[in-house]
Amino acid sequence: MKKYFISGIGTDVGKTVVSAVLTEALQADYWKPVQAGDLDFGDSDRVKSLVSNSRSVFHPERYRLNTPASPHYAAELDGIEIAVSDFSIPQTDNNLFIEGAGGLMVPLNSKDSVADLIKYFNVPVILVSRNYLGSINHTMLSIELLKHKGIEIAGIVFNGDPNPATENWILHNSGCTCVARIGNATAAPDKKWIKEQADLNENNIIKLLT
């Protein structure tokens, strides 16, 4: 069984929706190590509410922080300090998707970022990219950072309105593989939409990730 870290080229690129689609496609487990804010209905709750299968297990967060802010600041407000060494990947006999907070350089404490946590876990990254003006730059910078840190890139998920010119340029010049293309939800996604996206991408996801 394999483990993957889902990170994004920035905030609000759709990591949680992508996590739900991938979790549904593989009937995998899901884990969000740090939840900052929205404790009544966080990302783990969102993914769980969008997944239809009964096999997936949703593992509890290591840190639940009260303020919707960068984890290092939210932790400071709660009077704690996050340490990378405090994290331990949940034990499971299933495939596991780990969803990060924001982008790769989001700080966890005074010196460590999400990228450092990925390096500590030593798992491949699935990078979520959303097409917007400037996304090529943000995607390529994220890829360069991962390569610089020696972190394996399992592939890219393109989320939202398709843009073949952008997507093909990124794939050609990065050498990365496309894991999935997730359509743009016209309204808040529901279980039916997530299942449809999982089914559309299932063959490619299974081929690349298992």
Protein backbone atom coordinates (compact mmCIF):
# COMPACT_ATOMS: atom_id res chain seq x y z
CA MET A 1 0.00 0.00 0.00
CA LYS A 2 1.22 3.49 -0.87
CA LYS A 3 1.13 6.92 0.73
CA TYR A 4 0.95 10.27 -1.06
CA PHE A 5 1.07 13.87 0.13
CA ILE A 6 -1.37 16.20 -1.62
CA SER A 7 -0.07 19.77 -1.81
CA GLY A 8 -1.02 22.75 -3.94
CA ILE A 9 0.60 25.56 -5.86
CA GLY A 10 -1.09 27.92 -3.42
CA THR A 11 -4.15 28.39 -1.24
CA ASP A 12 -7.65 27.75 -2.64
CA VAL A 13 -6.54 25.65 -5.61
CA GLY A 14 -8.87 22.80 -4.65
CA LYS A 15 -6.72 20.39 -2.63
CA THR A 16 -9.66 19.19 -0.55
CA VAL A 17 -11.90 18.50 -3.56
CA VAL A 18 -9.01 16.71 -5.28
CA SER A 19 -8.37 14.75 -2.07
CA ALA A 20 -12.00 13.62 -2.09
CA VAL A 21 -11.81 12.52 -5.74
CA LEU A 22 -8.56 10.59 -5.25
CA THR A 23 -9.79 9.05 -1.99
CA GLU A 24 -12.98 7.93 -3.71
CA ALA A 25 -11.19 6.61 -6.80
CA LEU A 26 -8.86 4.36 -4.78
CA GLN A 27 -11.17 3.88 -1.76
CA ALA A 28 -8.12 5.07 0.15
CA ASP A 29 -7.66 6.44 3.66
CA TYR A 30 -7.33 10.18 4.28
CA TRP A 31 -5.36 12.24 6.81
CA LYS A 32 -5.07 15.97 7.39
CA PRO A 33 -2.12 16.45 9.80
CA VAL A 34 -2.90 20.11 10.65
CA GLN A 35 -6.31 21.77 10.67
CA ALA A 36 -6.23 25.53 11.30
CA GLY A 37 -9.69 26.97 11.93
CA ASP A 38 -13.08 25.55 10.90
CA LEU A 39 -12.87 22.99 13.68
CA ASP A 40 -16.62 22.35 13.60
CA PHE A 41 -16.39 21.16 9.98
CA GLY A 42 -12.80 20.89 8.82
CA ASP A 43 -11.25 19.38 5.72
CA SER A 44 -11.46 15.85 7.12
CA ASP A 45 -15.20 16.35 7.63
CA ARG A 46 -15.55 17.79 4.12
CA VAL A 47 -13.76 14.89 2.45
CA LYS A 48 -15.72 12.37 4.51
CA SER A 49 -18.98 14.04 3.51
CA LEU A 50 -18.03 13.80 -0.19
CA VAL A 51 -16.83 10.20 -0.30
CA SER A 52 -19.34 7.45 -1.06
CA ASN A 53 -17.40 4.27 -0.37
CA SER A 54 -17.42 2.58 3.04
CA ARG A 55 -13.79 1.42 3.02
CA SER A 56 -12.02 4.76 3.52
CA VAL A 57 -10.87 5.62 7.03
CA PHE A 58 -10.45 9.26 8.07
CA HIS A 59 -7.62 9.57 10.56
CA PRO A 60 -7.69 12.31 13.24
CA GLU A 61 -5.56 15.41 12.86
CA ARG A 62 -2.34 15.72 14.86
CA TYR A 63 -2.98 19.43 15.45
CA ARG A 64 -6.36 21.17 15.63
CA LEU A 65 -5.75 24.91 15.79
CA ASN A 66 -8.45 27.44 16.52
CA THR A 67 -7.53 30.26 14.12
CA PRO A 68 -7.86 30.10 10.30
CA ALA A 69 -4.31 31.28 9.63
CA SER A 70 -0.86 30.02 8.76
CA PRO A 71 -0.19 27.03 11.06
CA HIS A 72 2.84 28.66 12.69
CA TYR A 73 0.77 31.70 13.69
CA ALA A 74 -2.38 29.74 14.59
CA ALA A 75 -0.24 27.53 16.84
CA GLU A 76 1.36 30.58 18.46
CA LEU A 77 -2.10 31.97 19.26
CA ASP A 78 -2.98 28.63 20.87
CA GLY A 79 0.20 28.74 22.95
CA ILE A 80 1.87 25.76 21.30
CA GLU A 81 4.72 25.15 18.85
CA ILE A 82 4.43 22.62 16.07
CA ALA A 83 7.42 20.29 15.70
CA VAL A 84 7.94 18.17 12.60
CA SER A 85 9.15 15.32 14.81
CA ASP A 86 5.74 15.27 16.55
CA PHE A 87 4.08 13.81 13.44
CA SER A 88 3.66 10.12 12.79
CA ILE A 89 1.91 8.79 9.68
CA PRO A 90 -1.15 6.74 10.70
CA GLN A 91 -0.79 2.99 10.45
CA THR A 92 -3.09 1.49 7.82
CA ASP A 93 -3.31 -1.46 5.46
CA ASN A 94 -4.88 0.82 2.86
CA ASN A 95 -3.51 3.45 0.49
CA LEU A 96 -3.31 6.82 2.23
CA PHE A 97 -3.66 10.42 1.02
CA ILE A 98 -2.21 13.11 3.28
CA GLU A 99 -3.51 16.64 2.65
CA GLY A 100 -1.26 19.56 3.48
CA ALA A 101 -2.12 23.11 4.51
CA GLY A 102 -1.89 25.67 1.71
CA GLY A 103 1.22 25.55 -0.46
CA LEU A 104 4.64 24.04 0.01
CA MET A 105 6.25 26.99 1.80
CA VAL A 106 3.47 27.51 4.33
CA PRO A 107 5.30 27.70 7.70
CA LEU A 108 4.63 25.23 10.49
CA ASN A 109 6.98 26.90 12.98
CA SER A 110 9.83 29.43 12.98
CA LYS A 111 11.93 27.37 10.55
CA ASP A 112 10.00 24.42 9.08
CA SER A 113 7.52 24.51 6.21
CA VAL A 114 5.03 22.05 4.74
CA ALA A 115 7.80 21.00 2.32
CA ASP A 116 9.98 20.06 5.30
CA LEU A 117 7.15 17.93 6.68
CA ILE A 118 6.87 16.13 3.33
CA LYS A 119 10.62 15.53 3.36
CA TYR A 120 10.31 14.16 6.91
CA PHE A 121 7.52 11.80 5.83
CA ASN A 122 9.53 10.72 2.77
CA VAL A 123 6.45 10.22 0.59
CA PRO A 124 5.77 11.30 -3.02
CA VAL A 125 3.81 14.46 -3.71
CA ILE A 126 0.73 14.93 -5.84
CA LEU A 127 0.73 18.61 -6.79
CA VAL A 128 -2.63 20.32 -7.36
CA SER A 129 -2.64 23.07 -9.96
CA ARG A 130 -5.59 25.29 -10.89
CA ASN A 131 -5.57 27.19 -14.19
CA TYR A 132 -5.46 30.97 -13.71
CA LEU A 133 -3.24 33.80 -14.94
CA GLY A 134 0.09 33.14 -13.25
CA SER A 135 -0.50 29.45 -12.55
CA ILE A 136 2.33 28.34 -14.85
CA ASN A 137 4.78 30.35 -12.77
CA HIS A 138 3.37 29.09 -9.46
CA THR A 139 3.28 25.48 -10.66
CA MET A 140 6.82 25.51 -12.05
CA LEU A 141 8.20 27.20 -8.91
CA SER A 142 6.53 24.53 -6.77
CA ILE A 143 8.01 21.78 -8.94
CA GLU A 144 11.48 23.35 -8.76
CA LEU A 145 11.24 23.53 -4.96
CA LEU A 146 10.26 19.86 -4.72
CA LYS A 147 13.12 18.86 -7.00
CA HIS A 148 15.56 21.03 -5.04
CA LYS A 149 14.55 19.31 -1.81
CA GLY A 150 14.80 15.87 -3.39
CA ILE A 151 11.09 15.13 -2.96
CA GLU A 152 9.56 12.69 -5.43
CA ILE A 153 6.72 14.07 -7.54
CA ALA A 154 4.09 11.42 -8.31
CA GLY A 155 2.33 13.78 -10.69
CA ILE A 156 0.07 16.78 -11.14
CA VAL A 157 -3.69 17.10 -10.85
CA PHE A 158 -5.18 19.93 -12.90
CA ASN A 159 -8.29 21.24 -11.19
CA GLY A 160 -10.98 23.52 -12.60
CA ASP A 161 -11.57 24.89 -16.09
CA PRO A 162 -9.27 23.10 -18.57
CA ASN A 163 -6.54 25.01 -20.40
CA PRO A 164 -4.66 22.62 -22.69
CA ALA A 165 -2.03 25.21 -23.66
CA THR A 166 -1.11 25.80 -20.02
CA GLU A 167 -1.33 22.15 -18.97
CA ASN A 168 0.69 20.84 -21.90
CA TRP A 169 3.42 23.45 -21.39
CA ILE A 170 3.75 22.54 -17.71
CA LEU A 171 3.87 18.81 -18.39
CA HIS A 172 6.35 19.14 -21.26
CA ASN A 173 8.75 21.45 -19.44
CA SER A 174 8.53 19.85 -15.99
CA GLY A 175 8.72 16.22 -17.03
CA CYS A 176 5.82 15.50 -14.69
CA THR A 177 2.86 13.22 -15.36
CA CYS A 178 -0.80 14.20 -15.19
CA VAL A 179 -2.53 12.07 -12.54
CA ALA A 180 -6.01 13.47 -13.17
CA ARG A 181 -7.99 16.34 -14.63
CA ILE A 182 -10.82 17.41 -12.33
CA GLY A 183 -13.67 19.35 -13.91
CA ASN A 184 -14.89 22.69 -12.62
CA ALA A 185 -17.80 22.31 -10.21
CA THR A 186 -20.55 24.76 -11.15
CA ALA A 187 -21.86 24.63 -7.58
CA ALA A 188 -20.67 23.17 -4.32
CA PRO A 189 -19.55 19.62 -5.16
CA ASP A 190 -21.58 16.76 -3.75
CA LYS A 191 -21.06 12.99 -3.51
CA LYS A 192 -22.49 12.42 -6.98
CA TRP A 193 -20.11 14.91 -8.61
CA ILE A 194 -17.10 13.55 -6.73
CA LYS A 195 -17.99 10.00 -7.78
CA GLU A 196 -18.37 11.11 -11.40
CA GLN A 197 -14.92 12.74 -11.35
CA ALA A 198 -13.42 9.70 -9.64
CA ASP A 199 -14.91 7.39 -12.27
CA LEU A 200 -13.73 9.59 -15.15
CA ASN A 201 -10.13 9.54 -13.85
CA GLU A 202 -10.12 6.12 -12.21
CA ASN A 203 -8.08 4.24 -14.82
CA ASN A 204 -5.33 6.85 -14.93
CA ILE A 205 -5.25 7.23 -11.13
CA ILE A 206 -4.99 3.47 -10.60
CA LYS A 207 -2.36 3.15 -13.33
CA LEU A 208 -0.15 5.90 -11.91
CA LEU A 209 -0.62 5.52 -8.17
CA THR A 210 -0.90 1.79 -7.46
